Amino acid sequence: MKIKYIGDTEKREMNRRAGTPIDITLLVFMALALAGGTLLIFYLHSGYVSSKILDSRFLDEIYLKEGKIDFYVKEMMIKASTQISDKNNPVPEFISNFNVELVKYKTNGTYVLTELSQLENPSSNNVQFVDGKIIFFININLKQDSIEKFSVNYNYNKKFEREI
């Protein structure tokens, strides 16, 4: 009995005749289907993506309002805190002085910024006196609407501090 050894060329011939395994073929077709489906989704929804990117200008308007509110509140705090006479319990006096200063930003019944109306009559929960500082917490809802049915609703929370 003779034992026959299979050489490299004969192994290659056997592999060619056997073909590729079915799992590799399925993997290739599934990858192609996934890539094709992804490209189709990007193509069909390309208009939505560009319209959302173009509307980022509304965020700029919100940030502009935020900056104006910061400026006005700091100015009102400076003026309201310099007029405080009771250094031991300044919170009630600060609130009344702040309301007096806030009214100065009102012309013809409307505020310079309409959002400043949310600061009217701050409660004593929003104002604290700690270590010689008046701390004023604000929470303002900023809204920006457009004709294109796009709106931004932003809650602006900030803590302002001023030494007395």
Protein backbone atom coordinates (compact mmCIF):
# COMPACT_ATOMS: atom_id res chain seq x y z
CA MET A 1 0.00 0.00 0.00
CA LYS A 2 1.29 3.29 -1.08
CA ILE A 3 0.66 6.53 0.85
CA LYS A 4 0.12 9.53 -1.29
CA TYR A 5 1.07 12.99 -0.01
CA ILE A 6 -0.84 15.95 -1.31
CA GLY A 7 1.36 18.77 -2.53
CA ASP A 8 0.70 22.52 -2.55
CA THR A 9 -0.55 22.58 -6.11
CA GLU A 10 -3.02 19.79 -5.45
CA LYS A 11 -4.34 21.61 -2.33
CA ARG A 12 -4.96 24.71 -4.40
CA GLU A 13 -6.86 22.69 -6.98
CA MET A 14 -9.10 21.18 -4.30
CA ASN A 15 -9.85 24.61 -2.81
CA ARG A 16 -10.78 26.00 -6.23
CA ARG A 17 -13.23 23.19 -6.84
CA ALA A 18 -14.85 23.55 -3.41
CA GLY A 19 -15.76 27.23 -3.98
CA THR A 20 -16.17 29.93 -1.35
CA PRO A 21 -18.06 29.15 1.84
CA ILE A 22 -21.64 30.43 2.02
CA ASP A 23 -21.07 32.48 5.21
CA ILE A 24 -18.49 34.72 3.52
CA THR A 25 -20.82 35.26 0.57
CA LEU A 26 -23.67 36.25 2.89
CA LEU A 27 -21.37 38.61 4.80
CA VAL A 28 -20.39 40.42 1.61
CA PHE A 29 -23.99 40.79 0.43
CA MET A 30 -25.17 42.01 3.84
CA ALA A 31 -22.36 44.61 3.98
CA LEU A 32 -23.28 45.84 0.50
CA ALA A 33 -26.98 46.03 1.44
CA LEU A 34 -26.16 47.96 4.61
CA ALA A 35 -23.95 50.44 2.76
CA GLY A 36 -26.56 50.89 0.02
CA GLY A 37 -29.37 51.43 2.52
CA THR A 38 -27.31 53.99 4.41
CA LEU A 39 -26.53 55.93 1.25
CA LEU A 40 -30.20 55.85 0.27
CA ILE A 41 -31.27 57.25 3.65
CA PHE A 42 -28.68 60.04 3.43
CA TYR A 43 -29.85 60.89 -0.08
CA LEU A 44 -33.55 60.98 0.84
CA HIS A 45 -33.07 63.08 3.99
CA SER A 46 -30.43 65.51 2.75
CA GLY A 47 -32.92 68.41 2.57
CA TYR A 48 -33.82 68.07 6.26
CA VAL A 49 -30.22 68.21 7.41
CA SER A 50 -29.38 71.36 5.44
CA SER A 51 -32.49 73.19 6.66
CA LYS A 52 -31.61 72.49 10.28
CA ILE A 53 -28.06 73.73 9.83
CA LEU A 54 -29.24 76.93 8.15
CA ASP A 55 -31.48 77.75 11.12
CA SER A 56 -28.64 77.99 13.63
CA ARG A 57 -28.96 81.80 13.44
CA PHE A 58 -31.74 81.57 16.03
CA LEU A 59 -29.26 80.33 18.62
CA ASP A 60 -27.19 83.45 17.95
CA GLU A 61 -30.21 85.62 18.75
CA ILE A 62 -30.78 83.69 21.99
CA TYR A 63 -27.14 84.16 23.00
CA LEU A 64 -27.41 87.86 22.15
CA LYS A 65 -30.45 88.18 24.45
CA GLU A 66 -28.53 86.29 27.14
CA GLY A 67 -25.67 88.78 26.92
CA LYS A 68 -28.03 91.74 27.14
CA ILE A 69 -29.78 90.25 30.17
CA ASP A 70 -26.39 89.74 31.84
CA PHE A 71 -25.52 93.38 31.23
CA TYR A 72 -28.83 94.78 32.48
CA VAL A 73 -28.96 92.57 35.59
CA LYS A 74 -25.36 93.48 36.53
CA GLU A 75 -26.16 97.17 36.14
CA MET A 76 -29.31 96.85 38.23
CA MET A 77 -27.44 94.90 40.92
CA ILE A 78 -24.72 97.54 41.16
CA LYS A 79 -27.25 100.35 41.55
CA ALA A 80 -29.53 98.40 43.91
CA SER A 81 -26.71 97.23 46.18
CA THR A 82 -25.04 100.64 46.54
CA GLN A 83 -28.26 102.11 47.97
CA ILE A 84 -28.52 99.55 50.80
CA SER A 85 -28.39 101.09 54.28
CA ASP A 86 -29.02 97.98 56.45
CA LYS A 87 -25.86 95.89 56.14
CA ASN A 88 -27.09 93.21 58.58
CA ASN A 89 -30.28 92.23 56.71
CA PRO A 90 -29.97 93.68 53.19
CA VAL A 91 -32.22 91.21 51.34
CA PRO A 92 -35.59 93.04 51.65
CA GLU A 93 -34.02 96.38 50.86
CA PHE A 94 -32.13 94.90 47.88
CA ILE A 95 -35.37 93.45 46.48
CA SER A 96 -37.17 96.81 46.70
CA ASN A 97 -34.17 98.68 45.23
CA PHE A 98 -33.91 96.11 42.43
CA ASN A 99 -37.60 96.60 41.56
CA VAL A 100 -37.06 100.38 41.46
CA GLU A 101 -34.12 99.93 39.10
CA LEU A 102 -36.03 97.42 36.97
CA VAL A 103 -38.82 99.93 36.36
CA LYS A 104 -36.24 102.31 34.87
CA TYR A 105 -35.81 99.85 31.97
CA LYS A 106 -39.49 100.15 31.11
CA THR A 107 -40.62 102.58 28.40
CA ASN A 108 -44.24 103.01 27.33
CA GLY A 109 -45.29 100.02 29.45
CA THR A 110 -42.80 97.56 27.92
CA TYR A 111 -39.29 96.61 28.92
CA VAL A 112 -36.22 97.16 26.79
CA LEU A 113 -36.09 93.37 26.62
CA THR A 114 -39.44 91.66 27.10
CA GLU A 115 -37.72 88.89 29.08
CA LEU A 116 -36.89 91.38 31.86
CA SER A 117 -40.54 91.18 32.90
CA GLN A 118 -39.75 87.75 34.35
CA LEU A 119 -37.53 89.49 36.94
CA GLU A 120 -40.34 91.54 38.46
CA ASN A 121 -40.80 91.11 42.21
CA PRO A 122 -38.05 88.56 42.91
CA SER A 123 -38.78 86.39 45.93
CA SER A 124 -36.51 86.17 48.93
CA ASN A 125 -35.72 82.60 47.80
CA ASN A 126 -33.87 84.05 44.80
CA VAL A 127 -31.83 86.51 46.87
CA GLN A 128 -29.37 85.52 49.58
CA PHE A 129 -26.89 87.38 51.78
CA VAL A 130 -23.76 85.32 52.42
CA ASP A 131 -20.37 86.56 53.71
CA GLY A 132 -21.03 90.19 52.85
CA LYS A 133 -22.27 89.39 49.34
CA ILE A 134 -25.70 89.64 47.78
CA ILE A 135 -26.34 86.56 45.67
CA PHE A 136 -29.14 86.81 43.12
CA PHE A 137 -30.37 83.72 41.25
CA ILE A 138 -32.31 84.24 38.04
CA ASN A 139 -34.27 81.83 35.90
CA ILE A 140 -35.49 83.31 32.63
CA ASN A 141 -37.23 81.51 29.79
CA LEU A 142 -35.90 82.76 26.43
CA LYS A 143 -37.96 81.97 23.33
CA GLN A 144 -37.29 82.56 19.66
CA ASP A 145 -39.90 81.71 17.02
CA SER A 146 -39.67 81.94 13.26
CA ILE A 147 -41.94 81.90 10.26
CA GLU A 148 -40.43 78.58 9.20
CA LYS A 149 -42.06 76.68 12.11
CA PHE A 150 -38.76 76.54 13.93
CA SER A 151 -38.55 77.63 17.57
CA VAL A 152 -35.98 77.70 20.33
CA ASN A 153 -36.97 77.48 24.00
CA TYR A 154 -34.06 78.08 26.38
CA ASN A 155 -34.07 78.26 30.19
CA TYR A 156 -31.39 80.68 31.30
CA ASN A 157 -30.23 80.14 34.89
CA LYS A 158 -27.46 82.21 36.41
CA LYS A 159 -26.11 83.30 39.77
CA PHE A 160 -25.04 86.93 40.15
CA GLU A 161 -22.90 88.10 43.08
CA ARG A 162 -22.19 91.59 44.37
CA GLU A 163 -20.27 92.66 47.47
CA ILE A 164 -21.87 95.21 49.74
